[in-house]
Each structure stands twice: as structure tokens, then as C-alpha cells.
Amino acid sequence: MASKSLAIKNLARTVGTKMTATEFEKMQALVDAGLYLNVSDFIRDAVREKLGSIEIIKLRDVDYKIAKKEVLAYFEKFREAYPDEAANDLSLSLEMVAKITSELIKEKRLEAIN
């Protein structure tokens, strides 16, 4: 059963889309220059590049006290970091990390980066 679902997952899919004449001509020019095998090759490469540049971050549902300990530990480990980096790396909301960071600075447990 597992091998069947894996086989289905690995099947290629065909996706249709409309492009402007100018977009198509630019892609064809890249093909003609030898940079791509064909327009489909260019589109696959462009999709892979775009997907590689976008990261979906799933936020964890963490108790505030635990999150505060994690944020403090993060800043102790990475001395010069920003709240957005901590939020991304810890999978916490930026709003929560910003609030925690402000509290930690007020409590003098964290030093602000100038």
C-alpha cells in the first residue's frame, strides 16, 4: 500500500497556463541561446527556483512561558540576532517574539542591538 501511494506521489503532472506573447518570446530567446532545452525546461526551472525561494513557516502553539525561555536561549546562543530571525528559527509568531524580546530588554535579561 505504501509503495502505491509513493508511486502516485511521484507521478508528473501537466499544468497549463497562458503567457503573454512577450513572455513567450523572451523564454524562446533563452531556448534559442542554448540556455534551456525548450520552453517547458525553462518553466520547470523557473518554478523550482521560485519554490526554493519561498518557505512556509508553520507556527507552533507554545505556552508563553516556554516561548520566553526559548527566545532567551536563542539570543544567548546567537548573540547578534533579530526578532524575525528568532521567530522563523523557533517557528513562533513574530508578534510573540517581539513582545518577549521587549520584555527581556526591560527585565535587563537581554541587550538590544544598536
PDB file of N, CA and C in Angstrom:
ATOM      1  N   MET A   1       0.827  -1.192   0.000  1.00  0.00           N
ATOM      2  CA  MET A   1       0.000   0.000   0.000  1.00  0.00           C
ATOM      3  C   MET A   1       0.868   1.252   0.000  1.00  0.00           C
ATOM      4  N   ALA A   2       1.927   1.272   0.818  1.00  0.00           N
ATOM      5  CA  ALA A   2       2.805   2.438   0.905  1.00  0.00           C
ATOM      6  C   ALA A   2       3.505   2.691  -0.415  1.00  0.00           C
ATOM      7  N   SER A   3       3.930   1.623  -1.109  1.00  0.00           N
ATOM      8  CA  SER A   3       4.622   1.803  -2.381  1.00  0.00           C
ATOM      9  C   SER A   3       3.682   2.371  -3.440  1.00  0.00           C
ATOM     10  N   LYS A   4       2.390   2.010  -3.378  1.00  0.00           N
ATOM     11  CA  LYS A   4       1.420   2.539  -4.323  1.00  0.00           C
ATOM     12  C   LYS A   4       1.222   4.041  -4.115  1.00  0.00           C
ATOM     13  N   SER A   5       1.103   4.488  -2.860  1.00  0.00           N
ATOM     14  CA  SER A   5       0.914   5.920  -2.598  1.00  0.00           C
ATOM     15  C   SER A   5       2.164   6.702  -2.963  1.00  0.00           C
ATOM     16  N   LEU A   6       3.352   6.088  -2.780  1.00  0.00           N
ATOM     17  CA  LEU A   6       4.608   6.744  -3.169  1.00  0.00           C
ATOM     18  C   LEU A   6       4.673   6.891  -4.676  1.00  0.00           C
ATOM     19  N   ALA A   7       4.244   5.857  -5.403  1.00  0.00           N
ATOM     20  CA  ALA A   7       4.251   5.917  -6.862  1.00  0.00           C
ATOM     21  C   ALA A   7       3.313   7.000  -7.363  1.00  0.00           C
ATOM     22  N   ILE A   8       2.160   7.121  -6.754  1.00  0.00           N
ATOM     23  CA  ILE A   8       1.199   8.156  -7.145  1.00  0.00           C
ATOM     24  C   ILE A   8       1.771   9.540  -6.859  1.00  0.00           C
ATOM     25  N   LYS A   9       2.429   9.686  -5.735  1.00  0.00           N
ATOM     26  CA  LYS A   9       3.008  10.977  -5.355  1.00  0.00           C
ATOM     27  C   LYS A   9       4.096  11.416  -6.331  1.00  0.00           C
ATOM     28  N   ASN A  10       4.849  10.467  -6.884  1.00  0.00           N
ATOM     29  CA  ASN A  10       5.969  10.795  -7.765  1.00  0.00           C
ATOM     30  C   ASN A  10       5.576  10.959  -9.222  1.00  0.00           C
ATOM     31  N   LEU A  11       4.309  10.778  -9.565  1.00  0.00           N
ATOM     32  CA  LEU A  11       3.871  10.975 -10.941  1.00  0.00           C
ATOM     33  C   LEU A  11       3.988  12.446 -11.321  1.00  0.00           C
ATOM     34  N   ALA A  12       4.423  12.689 -12.554  1.00  0.00           N
ATOM     35  CA  ALA A  12       4.500  14.064 -13.037  1.00  0.00           C
ATOM     36  C   ALA A  12       3.100  14.576 -13.328  1.00  0.00           C
ATOM     37  N   ARG A  13       2.910  15.833 -13.217  1.00  0.00           N
ATOM     38  CA  ARG A  13       1.629  16.472 -13.504  1.00  0.00           C
ATOM     39  C   ARG A  13       1.827  17.482 -14.630  1.00  0.00           C
ATOM     40  N   THR A  14       0.832  17.624 -15.460  1.00  0.00           N
ATOM     41  CA  THR A  14       0.855  18.624 -16.518  1.00  0.00           C
ATOM     42  C   THR A  14       0.028  19.806 -16.054  1.00  0.00           C
ATOM     43  N   VAL A  15       0.591  20.997 -16.178  1.00  0.00           N
ATOM     44  CA  VAL A  15      -0.086  22.211 -15.749  1.00  0.00           C
ATOM     45  C   VAL A  15      -0.152  23.150 -16.947  1.00  0.00           C
ATOM     46  N   GLY A  16      -1.334  23.621 -17.246  1.00  0.00           N
ATOM     47  CA  GLY A  16      -1.492  24.555 -18.356  1.00  0.00           C
ATOM     48  C   GLY A  16      -1.584  25.981 -17.845  1.00  0.00           C
ATOM     49  N   THR A  17      -0.997  26.901 -18.591  1.00  0.00           N
ATOM     50  CA  THR A  17      -1.076  28.311 -18.218  1.00  0.00           C
ATOM     51  C   THR A  17      -0.973  29.167 -19.470  1.00  0.00           C
ATOM     52  N   LYS A  18      -1.467  30.355 -19.403  1.00  0.00           N
ATOM     53  CA  LYS A  18      -1.354  31.290 -20.525  1.00  0.00           C
ATOM     54  C   LYS A  18      -0.242  32.276 -20.233  1.00  0.00           C
ATOM     55  N   MET A  19       0.522  32.586 -21.247  1.00  0.00           N
ATOM     56  CA  MET A  19       1.598  33.565 -21.153  1.00  0.00           C
ATOM     57  C   MET A  19       1.345  34.645 -22.201  1.00  0.00           C
ATOM     58  N   THR A  20       1.839  35.824 -21.932  1.00  0.00           N
ATOM     59  CA  THR A  20       1.750  36.868 -22.946  1.00  0.00           C
ATOM     60  C   THR A  20       2.730  36.526 -24.068  1.00  0.00           C
ATOM     61  N   ALA A  21       2.509  37.106 -25.219  1.00  0.00           N
ATOM     62  CA  ALA A  21       3.405  36.870 -26.355  1.00  0.00           C
ATOM     63  C   ALA A  21       4.821  37.316 -26.010  1.00  0.00           C
ATOM     64  N   THR A  22       4.947  38.417 -25.301  1.00  0.00           N
ATOM     65  CA  THR A  22       6.263  38.929 -24.913  1.00  0.00           C
ATOM     66  C   THR A  22       6.976  37.956 -23.988  1.00  0.00           C
ATOM     67  N   GLU A  23       6.260  37.409 -23.000  1.00  0.00           N
ATOM     68  CA  GLU A  23       6.868  36.438 -22.088  1.00  0.00           C
ATOM     69  C   GLU A  23       7.341  35.202 -22.854  1.00  0.00           C
ATOM     70  N   PHE A  24       6.487  34.717 -23.757  1.00  0.00           N
ATOM     71  CA  PHE A  24       6.862  33.542 -24.531  1.00  0.00           C
ATOM     72  C   PHE A  24       8.079  33.822 -25.403  1.00  0.00           C
ATOM     73  N   GLU A  25       8.112  34.972 -26.037  1.00  0.00           N
ATOM     74  CA  GLU A  25       9.247  35.332 -26.898  1.00  0.00           C
ATOM     75  C   GLU A  25      10.541  35.417 -26.095  1.00  0.00           C
ATOM     76  N   LYS A  26      10.482  35.943 -24.889  1.00  0.00           N
ATOM     77  CA  LYS A  26      11.674  36.013 -24.033  1.00  0.00           C
ATOM     78  C   LYS A  26      12.148  34.615 -23.644  1.00  0.00           C
ATOM     79  N   MET A  27      11.186  33.739 -23.325  1.00  0.00           N
ATOM     80  CA  MET A  27      11.565  32.360 -22.987  1.00  0.00           C
ATOM     81  C   MET A  27      12.174  31.667 -24.208  1.00  0.00           C
ATOM     82  N   GLN A  28      11.555  31.859 -25.366  1.00  0.00           N
ATOM     83  CA  GLN A  28      12.058  31.224 -26.586  1.00  0.00           C
ATOM     84  C   GLN A  28      13.448  31.740 -26.931  1.00  0.00           C
ATOM     85  N   ALA A  29      13.708  33.022 -26.672  1.00  0.00           N
ATOM     86  CA  ALA A  29      15.033  33.580 -26.926  1.00  0.00           C
ATOM     87  C   ALA A  29      16.087  32.888 -26.062  1.00  0.00           C
ATOM     88  N   LEU A  30      15.742  32.558 -24.822  1.00  0.00           N
ATOM     89  CA  LEU A  30      16.665  31.837 -23.937  1.00  0.00           C
ATOM     90  C   LEU A  30      16.900  30.410 -24.442  1.00  0.00           C
ATOM     91  N   VAL A  31      15.849  29.805 -24.973  1.00  0.00           N
ATOM     92  CA  VAL A  31      15.983  28.466 -25.577  1.00  0.00           C
ATOM     93  C   VAL A  31      16.891  28.558 -26.800  1.00  0.00           C
ATOM     94  N   ASP A  32      16.639  29.542 -27.659  1.00  0.00           N
ATOM     95  CA  ASP A  32      17.442  29.721 -28.879  1.00  0.00           C
ATOM     96  C   ASP A  32      18.909  30.009 -28.568  1.00  0.00           C
ATOM     97  N   ALA A  33      19.146  30.648 -27.401  1.00  0.00           N
ATOM     98  CA  ALA A  33      20.523  30.946 -26.987  1.00  0.00           C
ATOM     99  C   ALA A  33      21.211  29.708 -26.406  1.00  0.00           C
ATOM    100  N   GLY A  34      20.464  28.620 -26.258  1.00  0.00           N
ATOM    101  CA  GLY A  34      21.043  27.379 -25.763  1.00  0.00           C
ATOM    102  C   GLY A  34      21.051  27.240 -24.247  1.00  0.00           C
ATOM    103  N   LEU A  35      20.359  28.138 -23.555  1.00  0.00           N
ATOM    104  CA  LEU A  35      20.345  28.071 -22.102  1.00  0.00           C
ATOM    105  C   LEU A  35      19.360  27.030 -21.576  1.00  0.00           C
ATOM    106  N   TYR A  36      18.361  26.702 -22.361  1.00  0.00           N
ATOM    107  CA  TYR A  36      17.357  25.714 -21.983  1.00  0.00           C
ATOM    108  C   TYR A  36      17.074  24.813 -23.174  1.00  0.00           C
ATOM    109  N   LEU A  37      16.618  23.594 -22.905  1.00  0.00           N
ATOM    110  CA  LEU A  37      16.300  22.642 -23.972  1.00  0.00           C
ATOM    111  C   LEU A  37      15.069  23.081 -24.757  1.00  0.00           C
ATOM    112  N   ASN A  38      14.085  23.612 -24.023  1.00  0.00           N
ATOM    113  CA  ASN A  38      12.842  24.088 -24.626  1.00  0.00           C
ATOM    114  C   ASN A  38      12.131  24.985 -23.609  1.00  0.00           C
ATOM    115  N   VAL A  39      10.998  25.524 -23.990  1.00  0.00           N
ATOM    116  CA  VAL A  39      10.266  26.428 -23.106  1.00  0.00           C
ATOM    117  C   VAL A  39       9.810  25.688 -21.846  1.00  0.00           C
ATOM    118  N   SER A  40       9.399  24.445 -21.973  1.00  0.00           N
ATOM    119  CA  SER A  40       8.982  23.667 -20.800  1.00  0.00           C
ATOM    120  C   SER A  40      10.126  23.526 -19.808  1.00  0.00           C
ATOM    121  N   ASP A  41      11.336  23.333 -20.316  1.00  0.00           N
ATOM    122  CA  ASP A  41      12.515  23.227 -19.452  1.00  0.00           C
ATOM    123  C   ASP A  41      12.723  24.526 -18.682  1.00  0.00           C
ATOM    124  N   PHE A  42      12.547  25.657 -19.369  1.00  0.00           N
ATOM    125  CA  PHE A  42      12.668  26.956 -18.704  1.00  0.00           C
ATOM    126  C   PHE A  42      11.615  27.090 -17.603  1.00  0.00           C
ATOM    127  N   ILE A  43      10.369  26.744 -17.921  1.00  0.00           N
ATOM    128  CA  ILE A  43       9.278  26.892 -16.952  1.00  0.00           C
ATOM    129  C   ILE A  43       9.520  26.009 -15.734  1.00  0.00           C
ATOM    130  N   ARG A  44       9.946  24.756 -15.938  1.00  0.00           N
ATOM    131  CA  ARG A  44      10.241  23.876 -14.801  1.00  0.00           C
ATOM    132  C   ARG A  44      11.332  24.485 -13.927  1.00  0.00           C
ATOM    133  N   ASP A  45      12.386  25.022 -14.573  1.00  0.00           N
ATOM    134  CA  ASP A  45      13.485  25.629 -13.818  1.00  0.00           C
ATOM    135  C   ASP A  45      13.002  26.853 -13.038  1.00  0.00           C
ATOM    136  N   ALA A  46      12.167  27.664 -13.677  1.00  0.00           N
ATOM    137  CA  ALA A  46      11.650  28.871 -13.012  1.00  0.00           C
ATOM    138  C   ALA A  46      10.773  28.498 -11.817  1.00  0.00           C
ATOM    139  N   VAL A  47       9.956  27.463 -11.956  1.00  0.00           N
ATOM    140  CA  VAL A  47       9.089  27.020 -10.857  1.00  0.00           C
ATOM    141  C   VAL A  47       9.941  26.486  -9.709  1.00  0.00           C
ATOM    142  N   ARG A  48      10.945  25.679 -10.022  1.00  0.00           N
ATOM    143  CA  ARG A  48      11.826  25.148  -8.968  1.00  0.00           C
ATOM    144  C   ARG A  48      12.534  26.273  -8.223  1.00  0.00           C
ATOM    145  N   GLU A  49      13.016  27.258  -8.974  1.00  0.00           N
ATOM    146  CA  GLU A  49      13.709  28.394  -8.346  1.00  0.00           C
ATOM    147  C   GLU A  49      12.765  29.165  -7.431  1.00  0.00           C
ATOM    148  N   LYS A  50      11.551  29.412  -7.888  1.00  0.00           N
ATOM    149  CA  LYS A  50      10.577  30.154  -7.082  1.00  0.00           C
ATOM    150  C   LYS A  50      10.194  29.362  -5.833  1.00  0.00           C
ATOM    151  N   LEU A  51       9.942  28.071  -5.986  1.00  0.00           N
ATOM    152  CA  LEU A  51       9.590  27.239  -4.831  1.00  0.00           C
ATOM    153  C   LEU A  51      10.726  27.164  -3.826  1.00  0.00           C
ATOM    154  N   GLY A  52      11.964  27.196  -4.316  1.00  0.00           N
ATOM    155  CA  GLY A  52      13.122  27.166  -3.425  1.00  0.00           C
ATOM    156  C   GLY A  52      13.310  28.457  -2.651  1.00  0.00           C
ATOM    157  N   SER A  53      12.761  29.550  -3.179  1.00  0.00           N
ATOM    158  CA  SER A  53      12.945  30.849  -2.524  1.00  0.00           C
ATOM    159  C   SER A  53      11.844  31.184  -1.520  1.00  0.00           C
ATOM    160  N   ILE A  54      10.801  30.371  -1.499  1.00  0.00           N
ATOM    161  CA  ILE A  54       9.675  30.621  -0.601  1.00  0.00           C
ATOM    162  C   ILE A  54       9.643  29.528   0.456  1.00  0.00           C
ATOM    163  N   GLU A  55       9.541  29.953   1.690  1.00  0.00           N
ATOM    164  CA  GLU A  55       9.484  28.992   2.784  1.00  0.00           C
ATOM    165  C   GLU A  55       8.200  29.231   3.570  1.00  0.00           C
ATOM    166  N   ILE A  56       7.427  28.185   3.715  1.00  0.00           N
ATOM    167  CA  ILE A  56       6.216  28.280   4.519  1.00  0.00           C
ATOM    168  C   ILE A  56       6.591  27.885   5.944  1.00  0.00           C
ATOM    169  N   ILE A  57       6.336  28.776   6.847  1.00  0.00           N
ATOM    170  CA  ILE A  57       6.673  28.517   8.243  1.00  0.00           C
ATOM    171  C   ILE A  57       5.399  28.157   8.986  1.00  0.00           C
ATOM    172  N   LYS A  58       5.392  26.975   9.565  1.00  0.00           N
ATOM    173  CA  LYS A  58       4.252  26.547  10.370  1.00  0.00           C
ATOM    174  C   LYS A  58       4.548  26.931  11.815  1.00  0.00           C
ATOM    175  N   LEU A  59       3.707  27.787  12.356  1.00  0.00           N
ATOM    176  CA  LEU A  59       3.908  28.271  13.714  1.00  0.00           C
ATOM    177  C   LEU A  59       3.489  27.216  14.726  1.00  0.00           C
ATOM    178  N   ARG A  60       4.285  27.106  15.764  1.00  0.00           N
ATOM    179  CA  ARG A  60       3.963  26.179  16.848  1.00  0.00           C
ATOM    180  C   ARG A  60       3.066  26.879  17.853  1.00  0.00           C
ATOM    181  N   ASP A  61       2.194  26.113  18.470  1.00  0.00           N
ATOM    182  CA  ASP A  61       1.345  26.627  19.535  1.00  0.00           C
ATOM    183  C   ASP A  61       2.062  26.325  20.851  1.00  0.00           C
ATOM    184  N   VAL A  62       2.754  27.327  21.372  1.00  0.00           N
ATOM    185  CA  VAL A  62       3.599  27.147  22.555  1.00  0.00           C
ATOM    186  C   VAL A  62       3.130  28.073  23.666  1.00  0.00           C
ATOM    187  N   ASP A  63       3.143  27.578  24.881  1.00  0.00           N
ATOM    188  CA  ASP A  63       2.839  28.375  26.058  1.00  0.00           C
ATOM    189  C   ASP A  63       3.799  29.568  26.114  1.00  0.00           C
ATOM    190  N   TYR A  64       3.307  30.714  26.532  1.00  0.00           N
ATOM    191  CA  TYR A  64       4.103  31.942  26.554  1.00  0.00           C
ATOM    192  C   TYR A  64       5.382  31.792  27.386  1.00  0.00           C
ATOM    193  N   LYS A  65       5.278  31.154  28.553  1.00  0.00           N
ATOM    194  CA  LYS A  65       6.464  30.984  29.413  1.00  0.00           C
ATOM    195  C   LYS A  65       7.527  30.139  28.724  1.00  0.00           C
ATOM    196  N   ILE A  66       7.097  29.082  28.068  1.00  0.00           N
ATOM    197  CA  ILE A  66       8.040  28.220  27.343  1.00  0.00           C
ATOM    198  C   ILE A  66       8.653  28.991  26.190  1.00  0.00           C
ATOM    199  N   ALA A  67       7.834  29.732  25.470  1.00  0.00           N
ATOM    200  CA  ALA A  67       8.329  30.534  24.351  1.00  0.00           C
ATOM    201  C   ALA A  67       9.358  31.547  24.832  1.00  0.00           C
ATOM    202  N   LYS A  68       9.108  32.146  25.987  1.00  0.00           N
ATOM    203  CA  LYS A  68      10.033  33.147  26.528  1.00  0.00           C
ATOM    204  C   LYS A  68      11.387  32.504  26.830  1.00  0.00           C
ATOM    205  N   LYS A  69      11.367  31.302  27.407  1.00  0.00           N
ATOM    206  CA  LYS A  69      12.621  30.590  27.681  1.00  0.00           C
ATOM    207  C   LYS A  69      13.352  30.259  26.385  1.00  0.00           C
ATOM    208  N   GLU A  70      12.600  29.841  25.375  1.00  0.00           N
ATOM    209  CA  GLU A  70      13.206  29.503  24.088  1.00  0.00           C
ATOM    210  C   GLU A  70      13.821  30.731  23.422  1.00  0.00           C
ATOM    211  N   VAL A  71      13.111  31.852  23.494  1.00  0.00           N
ATOM    212  CA  VAL A  71      13.623  33.087  22.886  1.00  0.00           C
ATOM    213  C   VAL A  71      14.888  33.543  23.604  1.00  0.00           C
ATOM    214  N   LEU A  72      14.887  33.498  24.919  1.00  0.00           N
ATOM    215  CA  LEU A  72      16.078  33.886  25.673  1.00  0.00           C
ATOM    216  C   LEU A  72      17.252  32.971  25.318  1.00  0.00           C
ATOM    217  N   ALA A  73      17.015  31.686  25.260  1.00  0.00           N
ATOM    218  CA  ALA A  73      18.074  30.732  24.902  1.00  0.00           C
ATOM    219  C   ALA A  73      18.579  30.994  23.487  1.00  0.00           C
ATOM    220  N   TYR A  74      17.665  31.345  22.588  1.00  0.00           N
ATOM    221  CA  TYR A  74      18.048  31.644  21.210  1.00  0.00           C
ATOM    222  C   TYR A  74      19.009  32.828  21.162  1.00  0.00           C
ATOM    223  N   PHE A  75      18.659  33.902  21.868  1.00  0.00           N
ATOM    224  CA  PHE A  75      19.506  35.090  21.854  1.00  0.00           C
ATOM    225  C   PHE A  75      20.814  34.870  22.615  1.00  0.00           C
ATOM    226  N   GLU A  76      20.815  33.977  23.577  1.00  0.00           N
ATOM    227  CA  GLU A  76      22.068  33.639  24.253  1.00  0.00           C
ATOM    228  C   GLU A  76      22.990  32.870  23.312  1.00  0.00           C
ATOM    229  N   LYS A  77      22.401  32.032  22.483  1.00  0.00           N
ATOM    230  CA  LYS A  77      23.196  31.246  21.528  1.00  0.00           C
ATOM    231  C   LYS A  77      23.689  32.117  20.373  1.00  0.00           C
ATOM    232  N   PHE A  78      22.782  32.900  19.799  1.00  0.00           N
ATOM    233  CA  PHE A  78      23.113  33.774  18.672  1.00  0.00           C
ATOM    234  C   PHE A  78      23.130  35.203  19.196  1.00  0.00           C
ATOM    235  N   ARG A  79      24.249  35.654  19.643  1.00  0.00           N
ATOM    236  CA  ARG A  79      24.370  36.955  20.315  1.00  0.00           C
ATOM    237  C   ARG A  79      23.781  38.110  19.522  1.00  0.00           C
ATOM    238  N   GLU A  80      24.031  38.129  18.222  1.00  0.00           N
ATOM    239  CA  GLU A  80      23.524  39.219  17.394  1.00  0.00           C
ATOM    240  C   GLU A  80      22.495  38.654  16.428  1.00  0.00           C
ATOM    241  N   ALA A  81      21.255  38.690  16.843  1.00  0.00           N
ATOM    242  CA  ALA A  81      20.156  38.205  16.018  1.00  0.00           C
ATOM    243  C   ALA A  81      18.993  39.180  16.144  1.00  0.00           C
ATOM    244  N   TYR A  82      18.087  39.091  15.226  1.00  0.00           N
ATOM    245  CA  TYR A  82      16.914  39.955  15.228  1.00  0.00           C
ATOM    246  C   TYR A  82      15.673  39.131  15.548  1.00  0.00           C
ATOM    247  N   PRO A  83      14.634  39.776  16.070  1.00  0.00           N
ATOM    248  CA  PRO A  83      13.420  39.043  16.426  1.00  0.00           C
ATOM    249  C   PRO A  83      12.818  38.226  15.282  1.00  0.00           C
ATOM    250  N   ASP A  84      12.878  38.754  14.057  1.00  0.00           N
ATOM    251  CA  ASP A  84      12.310  37.987  12.939  1.00  0.00           C
ATOM    252  C   ASP A  84      13.088  36.699  12.682  1.00  0.00           C
ATOM    253  N   GLU A  85      14.405  36.728  12.886  1.00  0.00           N
ATOM    254  CA  GLU A  85      15.208  35.519  12.737  1.00  0.00           C
ATOM    255  C   GLU A  85      14.840  34.499  13.813  1.00  0.00           C
ATOM    256  N   ALA A  86      14.694  34.977  15.040  1.00  0.00           N
ATOM    257  CA  ALA A  86      14.301  34.089  16.142  1.00  0.00           C
ATOM    258  C   ALA A  86      12.919  33.501  15.880  1.00  0.00           C
ATOM    259  N   ALA A  87      12.001  34.328  15.427  1.00  0.00           N
ATOM    260  CA  ALA A  87      10.647  33.848  15.144  1.00  0.00           C
ATOM    261  C   ALA A  87      10.671  32.756  14.082  1.00  0.00           C
ATOM    262  N   ASN A  88      11.404  32.975  13.013  1.00  0.00           N
ATOM    263  CA  ASN A  88      11.489  31.975  11.945  1.00  0.00           C
ATOM    264  C   ASN A  88      12.128  30.688  12.447  1.00  0.00           C
ATOM    265  N   ASP A  89      13.264  30.820  13.108  1.00  0.00           N
ATOM    266  CA  ASP A  89      14.000  29.635  13.555  1.00  0.00           C
ATOM    267  C   ASP A  89      13.266  28.851  14.634  1.00  0.00           C
ATOM    268  N   LEU A  90      12.504  29.533  15.468  1.00  0.00           N
ATOM    269  CA  LEU A  90      11.775  28.869  16.554  1.00  0.00           C
ATOM    270  C   LEU A  90      10.341  28.510  16.167  1.00  0.00           C
ATOM    271  N   SER A  91       9.925  28.898  14.968  1.00  0.00           N
ATOM    272  CA  SER A  91       8.558  28.664  14.482  1.00  0.00           C
ATOM    273  C   SER A  91       7.520  29.270  15.429  1.00  0.00           C
ATOM    274  N   LEU A  92       7.807  30.511  15.841  1.00  0.00           N
ATOM    275  CA  LEU A  92       6.895  31.267  16.698  1.00  0.00           C
ATOM    276  C   LEU A  92       6.437  32.505  15.936  1.00  0.00           C
ATOM    277  N   SER A  93       5.317  33.071  16.335  1.00  0.00           N
ATOM    278  CA  SER A  93       4.848  34.267  15.649  1.00  0.00           C
ATOM    279  C   SER A  93       5.796  35.432  15.937  1.00  0.00           C
ATOM    280  N   LEU A  94       5.962  36.290  14.949  1.00  0.00           N
ATOM    281  CA  LEU A  94       6.829  37.453  15.113  1.00  0.00           C
ATOM    282  C   LEU A  94       6.294  38.363  16.204  1.00  0.00           C
ATOM    283  N   GLU A  95       4.976  38.489  16.301  1.00  0.00           N
ATOM    284  CA  GLU A  95       4.382  39.343  17.334  1.00  0.00           C
ATOM    285  C   GLU A  95       4.750  38.849  18.736  1.00  0.00           C
ATOM    286  N   MET A  96       4.685  37.528  18.939  1.00  0.00           N
ATOM    287  CA  MET A  96       5.016  36.971  20.246  1.00  0.00           C
ATOM    288  C   MET A  96       6.495  37.188  20.553  1.00  0.00           C
ATOM    289  N   VAL A  97       7.351  36.940  19.582  1.00  0.00           N
ATOM    290  CA  VAL A  97       8.794  37.094  19.799  1.00  0.00           C
ATOM    291  C   VAL A  97       9.138  38.553  20.047  1.00  0.00           C
ATOM    292  N   ALA A  98       8.504  39.461  19.326  1.00  0.00           N
ATOM    293  CA  ALA A  98       8.761  40.888  19.537  1.00  0.00           C
ATOM    294  C   ALA A  98       8.343  41.305  20.950  1.00  0.00           C
ATOM    295  N   LYS A  99       7.191  40.812  21.399  1.00  0.00           N
ATOM    296  CA  LYS A  99       6.721  41.127  22.752  1.00  0.00           C
ATOM    297  C   LYS A  99       7.680  40.558  23.796  1.00  0.00           C
ATOM    298  N   ILE A 100       8.085  39.313  23.596  1.00  0.00           N
ATOM    299  CA  ILE A 100       9.015  38.667  24.535  1.00  0.00           C
ATOM    300  C   ILE A 100      10.349  39.400  24.541  1.00  0.00           C
ATOM    301  N   THR A 101      10.837  39.759  23.369  1.00  0.00           N
ATOM    302  CA  THR A 101      12.113  40.476  23.267  1.00  0.00           C
ATOM    303  C   THR A 101      12.053  41.795  24.020  1.00  0.00           C
ATOM    304  N   SER A 102      10.960  42.535  23.859  1.00  0.00           N
ATOM    305  CA  SER A 102      10.788  43.808  24.579  1.00  0.00           C
ATOM    306  C   SER A 102      10.795  43.584  26.087  1.00  0.00           C
ATOM    307  N   GLU A 103      10.087  42.545  26.529  1.00  0.00           N
ATOM    308  CA  GLU A 103      10.055  42.225  27.961  1.00  0.00           C
ATOM    309  C   GLU A 103      11.452  41.881  28.476  1.00  0.00           C
ATOM    310  N   LEU A 104      12.162  41.070  27.732  1.00  0.00           N
ATOM    311  CA  LEU A 104      13.506  40.654  28.151  1.00  0.00           C
ATOM    312  C   LEU A 104      14.465  41.844  28.223  1.00  0.00           C
ATOM    313  N   ILE A 105      14.302  42.798  27.319  1.00  0.00           N
ATOM    314  CA  ILE A 105      15.135  44.007  27.352  1.00  0.00           C
ATOM    315  C   ILE A 105      14.785  44.839  28.584  1.00  0.00           C
ATOM    316  N   LYS A 106      13.481  44.998  28.863  1.00  0.00           N
ATOM    317  CA  LYS A 106      13.042  45.748  30.046  1.00  0.00           C
ATOM    318  C   LYS A 106      13.510  45.078  31.338  1.00  0.00           C
ATOM    319  N   GLU A 107      13.522  43.748  31.324  1.00  0.00           N
ATOM    320  CA  GLU A 107      13.981  42.991  32.500  1.00  0.00           C
ATOM    321  C   GLU A 107      15.504  42.939  32.601  1.00  0.00           C
ATOM    322  N   LYS A 108      16.171  43.550  31.625  1.00  0.00           N
ATOM    323  CA  LYS A 108      17.634  43.594  31.548  1.00  0.00           C
ATOM    324  C   LYS A 108      18.240  42.184  31.446  1.00  0.00           C
ATOM    325  N   ARG A 109      17.481  41.276  30.872  1.00  0.00           N
ATOM    326  CA  ARG A 109      17.971  39.919  30.643  1.00  0.00           C
ATOM    327  C   ARG A 109      18.470  39.769  29.218  1.00  0.00           C
ATOM    328  N   LEU A 110      18.253  40.823  28.407  1.00  0.00           N
ATOM    329  CA  LEU A 110      18.637  40.833  27.018  1.00  0.00           C
ATOM    330  C   LEU A 110      19.051  42.235  26.650  1.00  0.00           C
ATOM    331  N   GLU A 111      20.100  42.343  25.858  1.00  0.00           N
ATOM    332  CA  GLU A 111      20.595  43.645  25.453  1.00  0.00           C
ATOM    333  C   GLU A 111      20.148  43.925  24.020  1.00  0.00           C
ATOM    334  N   ALA A 112      19.663  45.116  23.775  1.00  0.00           N
ATOM    335  CA  ALA A 112      19.204  45.483  22.432  1.00  0.00           C
ATOM    336  C   ALA A 112      20.404  45.682  21.504  1.00  0.00           C
ATOM    337  N   ILE A 113      20.216  45.293  20.240  1.00  0.00           N
ATOM    338  CA  ILE A 113      21.250  45.509  19.232  1.00  0.00           C
ATOM    339  C   ILE A 113      21.050  46.906  18.670  1.00  0.00           C
ATOM    340  N   ASN A 114      22.098  47.703  18.671  1.00  0.00           N
ATOM    341  CA  ASN A 114      22.012  49.055  18.146  1.00  0.00           C
ATOM    342  C   ASN A 114      22.596  49.148  16.773  1.00  0.00           C
TER     343      ASN A 114
END
